[in-house]
């Protein structure tokens, strides 16, 4: 039995993030690393993962992200948009709080 996967793309400036979201236990990987290890600062990490906190789903979904281009700030913004779009695909009722 395969899990339903939601695939989205987020872009900011010249950065692009491909996001694959499945129901799970809260594992998040950015380019194969933990978010804090990849983004290096709490500010970028919290910014990138803010949609999960907004809708209180941080421990209900697993996310794999491939980020490229731009700098870490742009990538964090692209990841944030990609996660928000994936959550909206998962549940359309989340559109208003994520906006």
PDB file of N, CA and C in Angstrom:
ATOM      1  N   UNK A   1       0.843  -1.182   0.000  1.00  0.00           N
ATOM      2  CA  UNK A   1       0.000   0.000   0.000  1.00  0.00           C
ATOM      3  C   UNK A   1       0.890   1.247   0.000  1.00  0.00           C
ATOM      4  N   UNK A   2       0.785   2.069  -1.022  1.00  0.00           N
ATOM      5  CA  UNK A   2       1.643   3.244  -1.106  1.00  0.00           C
ATOM      6  C   UNK A   2       0.932   4.457  -0.512  1.00  0.00           C
ATOM      7  N   UNK A   3       1.715   5.333   0.053  1.00  0.00           N
ATOM      8  CA  UNK A   3       1.172   6.559   0.629  1.00  0.00           C
ATOM      9  C   UNK A   3       0.919   7.564  -0.478  1.00  0.00           C
ATOM     10  N   UNK A   4      -0.087   8.405  -0.258  1.00  0.00           N
ATOM     11  CA  UNK A   4      -0.356   9.470  -1.210  1.00  0.00           C
ATOM     12  C   UNK A   4       0.717  10.536  -1.067  1.00  0.00           C
ATOM     13  N   UNK A   5       1.309  10.930  -2.182  1.00  0.00           N
ATOM     14  CA  UNK A   5       2.382  11.916  -2.182  1.00  0.00           C
ATOM     15  C   UNK A   5       1.916  13.170  -2.914  1.00  0.00           C
ATOM     16  N   UNK A   6       2.195  14.322  -2.307  1.00  0.00           N
ATOM     17  CA  UNK A   6       1.858  15.604  -2.920  1.00  0.00           C
ATOM     18  C   UNK A   6       3.160  16.281  -3.317  1.00  0.00           C
ATOM     19  N   UNK A   7       3.309  16.596  -4.593  1.00  0.00           N
ATOM     20  CA  UNK A   7       4.537  17.183  -5.111  1.00  0.00           C
ATOM     21  C   UNK A   7       4.244  18.609  -5.578  1.00  0.00           C
ATOM     22  N   UNK A   8       5.027  19.558  -5.072  1.00  0.00           N
ATOM     23  CA  UNK A   8       4.845  20.957  -5.466  1.00  0.00           C
ATOM     24  C   UNK A   8       6.203  21.605  -5.671  1.00  0.00           C
ATOM     25  N   UNK A   9       6.173  22.787  -6.268  1.00  0.00           N
ATOM     26  CA  UNK A   9       7.389  23.576  -6.471  1.00  0.00           C
ATOM     27  C   UNK A   9       7.169  24.962  -5.885  1.00  0.00           C
ATOM     28  N   UNK A  10       8.161  25.442  -5.135  1.00  0.00           N
ATOM     29  CA  UNK A  10       8.138  26.807  -4.627  1.00  0.00           C
ATOM     30  C   UNK A  10       9.315  27.561  -5.211  1.00  0.00           C
ATOM     31  N   UNK A  11       9.097  28.823  -5.560  1.00  0.00           N
ATOM     32  CA  UNK A  11      10.186  29.633  -6.110  1.00  0.00           C
ATOM     33  C   UNK A  11      10.241  30.976  -5.397  1.00  0.00           C
ATOM     34  N   UNK A  12      11.470  31.469  -5.214  1.00  0.00           N
ATOM     35  CA  UNK A  12      11.667  32.818  -4.692  1.00  0.00           C
ATOM     36  C   UNK A  12      12.973  33.329  -5.275  1.00  0.00           C
ATOM     37  N   UNK A  13      12.933  34.526  -5.854  1.00  0.00           N
ATOM     38  CA  UNK A  13      14.100  35.077  -6.552  1.00  0.00           C
ATOM     39  C   UNK A  13      14.617  34.030  -7.535  1.00  0.00           C
ATOM     40  N   UNK A  14      15.856  33.575  -7.383  1.00  0.00           N
ATOM     41  CA  UNK A  14      16.382  32.579  -8.317  1.00  0.00           C
ATOM     42  C   UNK A  14      16.443  31.193  -7.683  1.00  0.00           C
ATOM     43  N   UNK A  15      15.860  31.034  -6.510  1.00  0.00           N
ATOM     44  CA  UNK A  15      15.879  29.746  -5.812  1.00  0.00           C
ATOM     45  C   UNK A  15      14.617  28.946  -6.147  1.00  0.00           C
ATOM     46  N   UNK A  16      14.784  27.632  -6.205  1.00  0.00           N
ATOM     47  CA  UNK A  16      13.678  26.723  -6.476  1.00  0.00           C
ATOM     48  C   UNK A  16      13.713  25.592  -5.458  1.00  0.00           C
ATOM     49  N   UNK A  17      12.537  25.196  -4.979  1.00  0.00           N
ATOM     50  CA  UNK A  17      12.443  24.080  -4.040  1.00  0.00           C
ATOM     51  C   UNK A  17      11.382  23.105  -4.537  1.00  0.00           C
ATOM     52  N   UNK A  18      11.774  21.845  -4.721  1.00  0.00           N
ATOM     53  CA  UNK A  18      10.826  20.794  -5.070  1.00  0.00           C
ATOM     54  C   UNK A  18      10.464  20.069  -3.779  1.00  0.00           C
ATOM     55  N   UNK A  19       9.178  20.042  -3.454  1.00  0.00           N
ATOM     56  CA  UNK A  19       8.707  19.514  -2.175  1.00  0.00           C
ATOM     57  C   UNK A  19       7.861  18.270  -2.415  1.00  0.00           C
ATOM     58  N   UNK A  20       8.192  17.186  -1.694  1.00  0.00           N
ATOM     59  CA  UNK A  20       7.400  15.946  -1.722  1.00  0.00           C
ATOM     60  C   UNK A  20       6.867  15.713  -0.312  1.00  0.00           C
ATOM     61  N   UNK A  21       5.552  15.801  -0.152  1.00  0.00           N
ATOM     62  CA  UNK A  21       4.917  15.693   1.159  1.00  0.00           C
ATOM     63  C   UNK A  21       4.072  14.421   1.217  1.00  0.00           C
ATOM     64  N   UNK A  22       4.253  13.627   2.269  1.00  0.00           N
ATOM     65  CA  UNK A  22       3.430  12.449   2.525  1.00  0.00           C
ATOM     66  C   UNK A  22       2.995  12.479   3.985  1.00  0.00           C
ATOM     67  N   UNK A  23       1.917  11.784   4.295  1.00  0.00           N
ATOM     68  CA  UNK A  23       1.526  11.660   5.702  1.00  0.00           C
ATOM     69  C   UNK A  23       2.579  10.837   6.417  1.00  0.00           C
ATOM     70  N   UNK A  24       2.912  11.239   7.651  1.00  0.00           N
ATOM     71  CA  UNK A  24       3.972  10.534   8.360  1.00  0.00           C
ATOM     72  C   UNK A  24       4.136  11.012   9.780  1.00  0.00           C
ATOM     73  N   UNK A  25       5.396  11.076  10.221  1.00  0.00           N
ATOM     74  CA  UNK A  25       5.687  11.331  11.627  1.00  0.00           C
ATOM     75  C   UNK A  25       6.452  12.626  11.885  1.00  0.00           C
ATOM     76  N   UNK A  26       6.681  13.432  10.873  1.00  0.00           N
ATOM     77  CA  UNK A  26       7.340  14.713  11.095  1.00  0.00           C
ATOM     78  C   UNK A  26       8.785  14.774  10.641  1.00  0.00           C
ATOM     79  N   UNK A  27       9.220  13.850   9.798  1.00  0.00           N
ATOM     80  CA  UNK A  27      10.595  13.890   9.296  1.00  0.00           C
ATOM     81  C   UNK A  27      10.688  14.897   8.156  1.00  0.00           C
ATOM     82  N   UNK A  28      11.677  15.777   8.236  1.00  0.00           N
ATOM     83  CA  UNK A  28      11.890  16.769   7.184  1.00  0.00           C
ATOM     84  C   UNK A  28      13.348  16.684   6.755  1.00  0.00           C
ATOM     85  N   UNK A  29      13.585  16.542   5.451  1.00  0.00           N
ATOM     86  CA  UNK A  29      14.942  16.522   4.910  1.00  0.00           C
ATOM     87  C   UNK A  29      15.058  17.565   3.808  1.00  0.00           C
ATOM     88  N   UNK A  30      16.088  18.384   3.884  1.00  0.00           N
ATOM     89  CA  UNK A  30      16.379  19.361   2.833  1.00  0.00           C
ATOM     90  C   UNK A  30      17.698  18.946   2.202  1.00  0.00           C
ATOM     91  N   UNK A  31      17.656  18.564   0.938  1.00  0.00           N
ATOM     92  CA  UNK A  31      18.843  18.069   0.217  1.00  0.00           C
ATOM     93  C   UNK A  31      19.560  16.988   1.021  1.00  0.00           C
ATOM     94  N   UNK A  32      18.801  16.104   1.664  1.00  0.00           N
ATOM     95  CA  UNK A  32      19.363  14.984   2.406  1.00  0.00           C
ATOM     96  C   UNK A  32      19.849  15.298   3.804  1.00  0.00           C
ATOM     97  N   UNK A  33      19.676  16.545   4.263  1.00  0.00           N
ATOM     98  CA  UNK A  33      20.136  16.945   5.597  1.00  0.00           C
ATOM     99  C   UNK A  33      18.957  17.402   6.449  1.00  0.00           C
ATOM    100  N   UNK A  34      19.187  17.457   7.757  1.00  0.00           N
ATOM    101  CA  UNK A  34      18.200  18.060   8.649  1.00  0.00           C
ATOM    102  C   UNK A  34      18.093  19.547   8.287  1.00  0.00           C
ATOM    103  N   UNK A  35      16.897  20.147   8.438  1.00  0.00           N
ATOM    104  CA  UNK A  35      16.735  21.565   8.058  1.00  0.00           C
ATOM    105  C   UNK A  35      17.716  22.500   8.753  1.00  0.00           C
ATOM    106  N   UNK A  36      17.948  22.329  10.055  1.00  0.00           N
ATOM    107  CA  UNK A  36      18.860  23.233  10.762  1.00  0.00           C
ATOM    108  C   UNK A  36      20.292  23.063  10.266  1.00  0.00           C
ATOM    109  N   UNK A  37      20.693  21.835   9.953  1.00  0.00           N
ATOM    110  CA  UNK A  37      22.039  21.597   9.429  1.00  0.00           C
ATOM    111  C   UNK A  37      22.197  22.223   8.039  1.00  0.00           C
ATOM    112  N   UNK A  38      21.141  22.183   7.232  1.00  0.00           N
ATOM    113  CA  UNK A  38      21.233  22.730   5.877  1.00  0.00           C
ATOM    114  C   UNK A  38      21.178  24.257   5.880  1.00  0.00           C
ATOM    115  N   UNK A  39      20.183  24.836   6.574  1.00  0.00           N
ATOM    116  CA  UNK A  39      20.007  26.292   6.553  1.00  0.00           C
ATOM    117  C   UNK A  39      20.956  27.031   7.497  1.00  0.00           C
ATOM    118  N   UNK A  40      21.567  26.329   8.424  1.00  0.00           N
ATOM    119  CA  UNK A  40      22.615  26.848   9.302  1.00  0.00           C
ATOM    120  C   UNK A  40      22.143  27.825  10.382  1.00  0.00           C
ATOM    121  N   UNK A  41      21.010  28.504  10.211  1.00  0.00           N
ATOM    122  CA  UNK A  41      20.531  29.420  11.252  1.00  0.00           C
ATOM    123  C   UNK A  41      19.084  29.088  11.606  1.00  0.00           C
ATOM    124  N   UNK A  42      18.724  29.404  12.864  1.00  0.00           N
ATOM    125  CA  UNK A  42      17.341  29.200  13.304  1.00  0.00           C
ATOM    126  C   UNK A  42      16.380  30.071  12.501  1.00  0.00           C
ATOM    127  N   UNK A  43      16.828  31.272  12.144  1.00  0.00           N
ATOM    128  CA  UNK A  43      15.963  32.206  11.416  1.00  0.00           C
ATOM    129  C   UNK A  43      15.500  31.610  10.087  1.00  0.00           C
ATOM    130  N   UNK A  44      16.439  31.108   9.275  1.00  0.00           N
ATOM    131  CA  UNK A  44      16.087  30.515   7.983  1.00  0.00           C
ATOM    132  C   UNK A  44      15.273  29.238   8.175  1.00  0.00           C
ATOM    133  N   UNK A  45      15.658  28.423   9.160  1.00  0.00           N
ATOM    134  CA  UNK A  45      14.960  27.159   9.402  1.00  0.00           C
ATOM    135  C   UNK A  45      13.515  27.424   9.818  1.00  0.00           C
ATOM    136  N   UNK A  46      13.307  28.336  10.772  1.00  0.00           N
ATOM    137  CA  UNK A  46      11.954  28.654  11.228  1.00  0.00           C
ATOM    138  C   UNK A  46      11.118  29.263  10.105  1.00  0.00           C
ATOM    139  N   UNK A  47      11.746  30.086   9.282  1.00  0.00           N
ATOM    140  CA  UNK A  47      11.048  30.685   8.151  1.00  0.00           C
ATOM    141  C   UNK A  47      10.585  29.601   7.177  1.00  0.00           C
ATOM    142  N   UNK A  48      11.471  28.681   6.858  1.00  0.00           N
ATOM    143  CA  UNK A  48      11.161  27.627   5.884  1.00  0.00           C
ATOM    144  C   UNK A  48      10.054  26.704   6.385  1.00  0.00           C
ATOM    145  N   UNK A  49      10.041  26.414   7.683  1.00  0.00           N
ATOM    146  CA  UNK A  49       9.081  25.454   8.229  1.00  0.00           C
ATOM    147  C   UNK A  49       7.849  26.120   8.835  1.00  0.00           C
ATOM    148  N   UNK A  50       7.722  27.437   8.699  1.00  0.00           N
ATOM    149  CA  UNK A  50       6.607  28.155   9.323  1.00  0.00           C
ATOM    150  C   UNK A  50       5.216  27.680   8.894  1.00  0.00           C
ATOM    151  N   UNK A  51       4.985  27.251   7.637  1.00  0.00           N
ATOM    152  CA  UNK A  51       3.634  26.771   7.302  1.00  0.00           C
ATOM    153  C   UNK A  51       3.199  25.571   8.149  1.00  0.00           C
ATOM    154  N   UNK A  52       4.147  24.709   8.503  1.00  0.00           N
ATOM    155  CA  UNK A  52       3.813  23.548   9.333  1.00  0.00           C
ATOM    156  C   UNK A  52       3.349  23.987  10.721  1.00  0.00           C
ATOM    157  N   UNK A  53       4.017  25.005  11.272  1.00  0.00           N
ATOM    158  CA  UNK A  53       3.641  25.503  12.598  1.00  0.00           C
ATOM    159  C   UNK A  53       2.312  26.248  12.540  1.00  0.00           C
ATOM    160  N   UNK A  54       2.061  26.974  11.449  1.00  0.00           N
ATOM    161  CA  UNK A  54       0.832  27.742  11.302  1.00  0.00           C
ATOM    162  C   UNK A  54      -0.400  26.845  11.387  1.00  0.00           C
ATOM    163  N   UNK A  55      -0.333  25.658  10.783  1.00  0.00           N
ATOM    164  CA  UNK A  55      -1.497  24.755  10.764  1.00  0.00           C
ATOM    165  C   UNK A  55      -1.323  23.573  11.720  1.00  0.00           C
ATOM    166  N   UNK A  56      -0.309  23.625  12.585  1.00  0.00           N
ATOM    167  CA  UNK A  56      -0.059  22.582  13.595  1.00  0.00           C
ATOM    168  C   UNK A  56       0.014  21.176  13.010  1.00  0.00           C
ATOM    169  N   UNK A  57       0.766  21.009  11.921  1.00  0.00           N
ATOM    170  CA  UNK A  57       0.899  19.694  11.297  1.00  0.00           C
ATOM    171  C   UNK A  57       2.346  19.221  11.252  1.00  0.00           C
ATOM    172  N   UNK A  58       3.217  19.808  12.069  1.00  0.00           N
ATOM    173  CA  UNK A  58       4.640  19.486  12.014  1.00  0.00           C
ATOM    174  C   UNK A  58       4.914  18.003  12.290  1.00  0.00           C
ATOM    175  N   UNK A  59       4.077  17.340  13.091  1.00  0.00           N
ATOM    176  CA  UNK A  59       4.320  15.937  13.425  1.00  0.00           C
ATOM    177  C   UNK A  59       3.384  14.978  12.685  1.00  0.00           C
ATOM    178  N   UNK A  60       2.703  15.466  11.647  1.00  0.00           N
ATOM    179  CA  UNK A  60       1.756  14.624  10.909  1.00  0.00           C
ATOM    180  C   UNK A  60       2.184  14.343   9.478  1.00  0.00           C
ATOM    181  N   UNK A  61       3.236  15.006   8.996  1.00  0.00           N
ATOM    182  CA  UNK A  61       3.661  14.820   7.608  1.00  0.00           C
ATOM    183  C   UNK A  61       5.179  14.646   7.525  1.00  0.00           C
ATOM    184  N   UNK A  62       5.612  13.883   6.535  1.00  0.00           N
ATOM    185  CA  UNK A  62       7.027  13.749   6.206  1.00  0.00           C
ATOM    186  C   UNK A  62       7.270  14.547   4.931  1.00  0.00           C
ATOM    187  N   UNK A  63       8.403  15.257   4.882  1.00  0.00           N
ATOM    188  CA  UNK A  63       8.679  16.116   3.737  1.00  0.00           C
ATOM    189  C   UNK A  63      10.115  15.896   3.261  1.00  0.00           C
ATOM    190  N   UNK A  64      10.269  15.713   1.947  1.00  0.00           N
ATOM    191  CA  UNK A  64      11.592  15.682   1.326  1.00  0.00           C
ATOM    192  C   UNK A  64      11.655  16.862   0.377  1.00  0.00           C
ATOM    193  N   UNK A  65      12.735  17.631   0.490  1.00  0.00           N
ATOM    194  CA  UNK A  65      12.868  18.866  -0.281  1.00  0.00           C
ATOM    195  C   UNK A  65      14.184  18.856  -1.034  1.00  0.00           C
ATOM    196  N   UNK A  66      14.119  19.258  -2.301  1.00  0.00           N
ATOM    197  CA  UNK A  66      15.342  19.488  -3.073  1.00  0.00           C
ATOM    198  C   UNK A  66      15.383  20.978  -3.384  1.00  0.00           C
ATOM    199  N   UNK A  67      16.311  21.686  -2.753  1.00  0.00           N
ATOM    200  CA  UNK A  67      16.433  23.134  -2.943  1.00  0.00           C
ATOM    201  C   UNK A  67      17.681  23.421  -3.767  1.00  0.00           C
ATOM    202  N   UNK A  68      17.570  24.386  -4.681  1.00  0.00           N
ATOM    203  CA  UNK A  68      18.728  24.757  -5.487  1.00  0.00           C
ATOM    204  C   UNK A  68      18.604  26.194  -5.949  1.00  0.00           C
ATOM    205  N   UNK A  69      19.733  26.766  -6.320  1.00  0.00           N
ATOM    206  CA  UNK A  69      19.769  28.129  -6.831  1.00  0.00           C
ATOM    207  C   UNK A  69      19.698  29.165  -5.726  1.00  0.00           C
ATOM    208  N   UNK A  70      20.107  30.378  -6.030  1.00  0.00           N
ATOM    209  CA  UNK A  70      20.026  31.476  -5.073  1.00  0.00           C
ATOM    210  C   UNK A  70      20.848  31.242  -3.829  1.00  0.00           C
ATOM    211  N   UNK A  71      20.529  31.965  -2.781  1.00  0.00           N
ATOM    212  CA  UNK A  71      21.202  31.805  -1.498  1.00  0.00           C
ATOM    213  C   UNK A  71      20.286  31.122  -0.506  1.00  0.00           C
ATOM    214  N   UNK A  72      20.743  30.999   0.722  1.00  0.00           N
ATOM    215  CA  UNK A  72      19.955  30.305   1.736  1.00  0.00           C
ATOM    216  C   UNK A  72      18.652  31.037   2.046  1.00  0.00           C
ATOM    217  N   UNK A  73      18.662  32.367   2.029  1.00  0.00           N
ATOM    218  CA  UNK A  73      17.435  33.118   2.301  1.00  0.00           C
ATOM    219  C   UNK A  73      16.389  32.853   1.219  1.00  0.00           C
ATOM    220  N   UNK A  74      16.788  32.923  -0.023  1.00  0.00           N
ATOM    221  CA  UNK A  74      15.865  32.649  -1.126  1.00  0.00           C
ATOM    222  C   UNK A  74      15.376  31.213  -1.094  1.00  0.00           C
ATOM    223  N   UNK A  75      16.275  30.270  -0.774  1.00  0.00           N
ATOM    224  CA  UNK A  75      15.877  28.867  -0.694  1.00  0.00           C
ATOM    225  C   UNK A  75      14.884  28.656   0.442  1.00  0.00           C
ATOM    226  N   UNK A  76      15.087  29.325   1.575  1.00  0.00           N
ATOM    227  CA  UNK A  76      14.144  29.202   2.688  1.00  0.00           C
ATOM    228  C   UNK A  76      12.764  29.708   2.269  1.00  0.00           C
ATOM    229  N   UNK A  77      12.711  30.808   1.540  1.00  0.00           N
ATOM    230  CA  UNK A  77      11.437  31.326   1.044  1.00  0.00           C
ATOM    231  C   UNK A  77      10.790  30.385   0.048  1.00  0.00           C
ATOM    232  N   UNK A  78      11.588  29.785  -0.822  1.00  0.00           N
ATOM    233  CA  UNK A  78      11.061  28.837  -1.799  1.00  0.00           C
ATOM    234  C   UNK A  78      10.524  27.586  -1.105  1.00  0.00           C
ATOM    235  N   UNK A  79      11.233  27.117  -0.080  1.00  0.00           N
ATOM    236  CA  UNK A  79      10.783  25.950   0.687  1.00  0.00           C
ATOM    237  C   UNK A  79       9.464  26.280   1.386  1.00  0.00           C
ATOM    238  N   UNK A  80       9.377  27.468   1.976  1.00  0.00           N
ATOM    239  CA  UNK A  80       8.147  27.874   2.662  1.00  0.00           C
ATOM    240  C   UNK A  80       6.963  27.837   1.706  1.00  0.00           C
ATOM    241  N   UNK A  81       7.120  28.398   0.512  1.00  0.00           N
ATOM    242  CA  UNK A  81       6.031  28.413  -0.466  1.00  0.00           C
ATOM    243  C   UNK A  81       5.693  26.995  -0.925  1.00  0.00           C
ATOM    244  N   UNK A  82       6.712  26.173  -1.171  1.00  0.00           N
ATOM    245  CA  UNK A  82       6.469  24.799  -1.606  1.00  0.00           C
ATOM    246  C   UNK A  82       5.719  23.987  -0.562  1.00  0.00           C
ATOM    247  N   UNK A  83       6.094  24.144   0.712  1.00  0.00           N
ATOM    248  CA  UNK A  83       5.404  23.422   1.793  1.00  0.00           C
ATOM    249  C   UNK A  83       3.956  23.901   1.895  1.00  0.00           C
ATOM    250  N   UNK A  84       3.741  25.208   1.825  1.00  0.00           N
ATOM    251  CA  UNK A  84       2.378  25.743   1.905  1.00  0.00           C
ATOM    252  C   UNK A  84       1.513  25.203   0.770  1.00  0.00           C
ATOM    253  N   UNK A  85       2.058  25.141  -0.427  1.00  0.00           N
ATOM    254  CA  UNK A  85       1.299  24.611  -1.569  1.00  0.00           C
ATOM    255  C   UNK A  85       0.987  23.130  -1.384  1.00  0.00           C
ATOM    256  N   UNK A  86       1.955  22.364  -0.873  1.00  0.00           N
ATOM    257  CA  UNK A  86       1.735  20.928  -0.654  1.00  0.00           C
ATOM    258  C   UNK A  86       0.672  20.704   0.423  1.00  0.00           C
ATOM    259  N   UNK A  87       0.713  21.487   1.502  1.00  0.00           N
ATOM    260  CA  UNK A  87      -0.295  21.362   2.557  1.00  0.00           C
ATOM    261  C   UNK A  87      -1.681  21.708   2.017  1.00  0.00           C
ATOM    262  N   UNK A  88      -1.747  22.675   1.134  1.00  0.00           N
ATOM    263  CA  UNK A  88      -3.024  23.055   0.552  1.00  0.00           C
ATOM    264  C   UNK A  88      -3.557  21.941  -0.343  1.00  0.00           C
ATOM    265  N   UNK A  89      -2.669  21.232  -1.059  1.00  0.00           N
ATOM    266  CA  UNK A  89      -3.098  20.081  -1.857  1.00  0.00           C
ATOM    267  C   UNK A  89      -3.617  18.967  -0.956  1.00  0.00           C
ATOM    268  N   UNK A  90      -2.956  18.792   0.197  1.00  0.00           N
ATOM    269  CA  UNK A  90      -3.360  17.768   1.164  1.00  0.00           C
ATOM    270  C   UNK A  90      -4.755  18.060   1.705  1.00  0.00           C
ATOM    271  N   UNK A  91      -5.024  19.324   2.041  1.00  0.00           N
ATOM    272  CA  UNK A  91      -6.298  19.723   2.624  1.00  0.00           C
ATOM    273  C   UNK A  91      -6.634  21.140   2.159  1.00  0.00           C
ATOM    274  N   UNK A  92      -7.605  21.276   1.282  1.00  0.00           N
ATOM    275  CA  UNK A  92      -7.947  22.579   0.693  1.00  0.00           C
ATOM    276  C   UNK A  92      -8.425  23.577   1.750  1.00  0.00           C
ATOM    277  N   UNK A  93      -8.917  23.091   2.902  1.00  0.00           N
ATOM    278  CA  UNK A  93      -9.397  23.993   3.936  1.00  0.00           C
ATOM    279  C   UNK A  93      -8.263  24.793   4.589  1.00  0.00           C
ATOM    280  N   UNK A  94      -7.013  24.391   4.353  1.00  0.00           N
ATOM    281  CA  UNK A  94      -5.876  25.089   4.950  1.00  0.00           C
ATOM    282  C   UNK A  94      -5.482  26.354   4.185  1.00  0.00           C
ATOM    283  N   UNK A  95      -6.137  26.627   3.066  1.00  0.00           N
ATOM    284  CA  UNK A  95      -5.762  27.776   2.239  1.00  0.00           C
ATOM    285  C   UNK A  95      -5.824  29.088   3.016  1.00  0.00           C
ATOM    286  N   UNK A  96      -6.890  29.316   3.748  1.00  0.00           N
ATOM    287  CA  UNK A  96      -7.065  30.597   4.446  1.00  0.00           C
ATOM    288  C   UNK A  96      -5.998  30.809   5.527  1.00  0.00           C
ATOM    289  N   UNK A  97      -5.755  29.845   6.425  1.00  0.00           N
ATOM    290  CA  UNK A  97      -4.707  30.110   7.428  1.00  0.00           C
ATOM    291  C   UNK A  97      -3.298  30.221   6.835  1.00  0.00           C
ATOM    292  N   UNK A  98      -3.046  29.568   5.704  1.00  0.00           N
ATOM    293  CA  UNK A  98      -1.712  29.621   5.105  1.00  0.00           C
ATOM    294  C   UNK A  98      -1.468  30.897   4.314  1.00  0.00           C
ATOM    295  N   UNK A  99      -2.511  31.565   3.912  1.00  0.00           N
ATOM    296  CA  UNK A  99      -2.357  32.722   3.043  1.00  0.00           C
ATOM    297  C   UNK A  99      -1.642  33.873   3.725  1.00  0.00           C
TER     298      UNK A  99
END
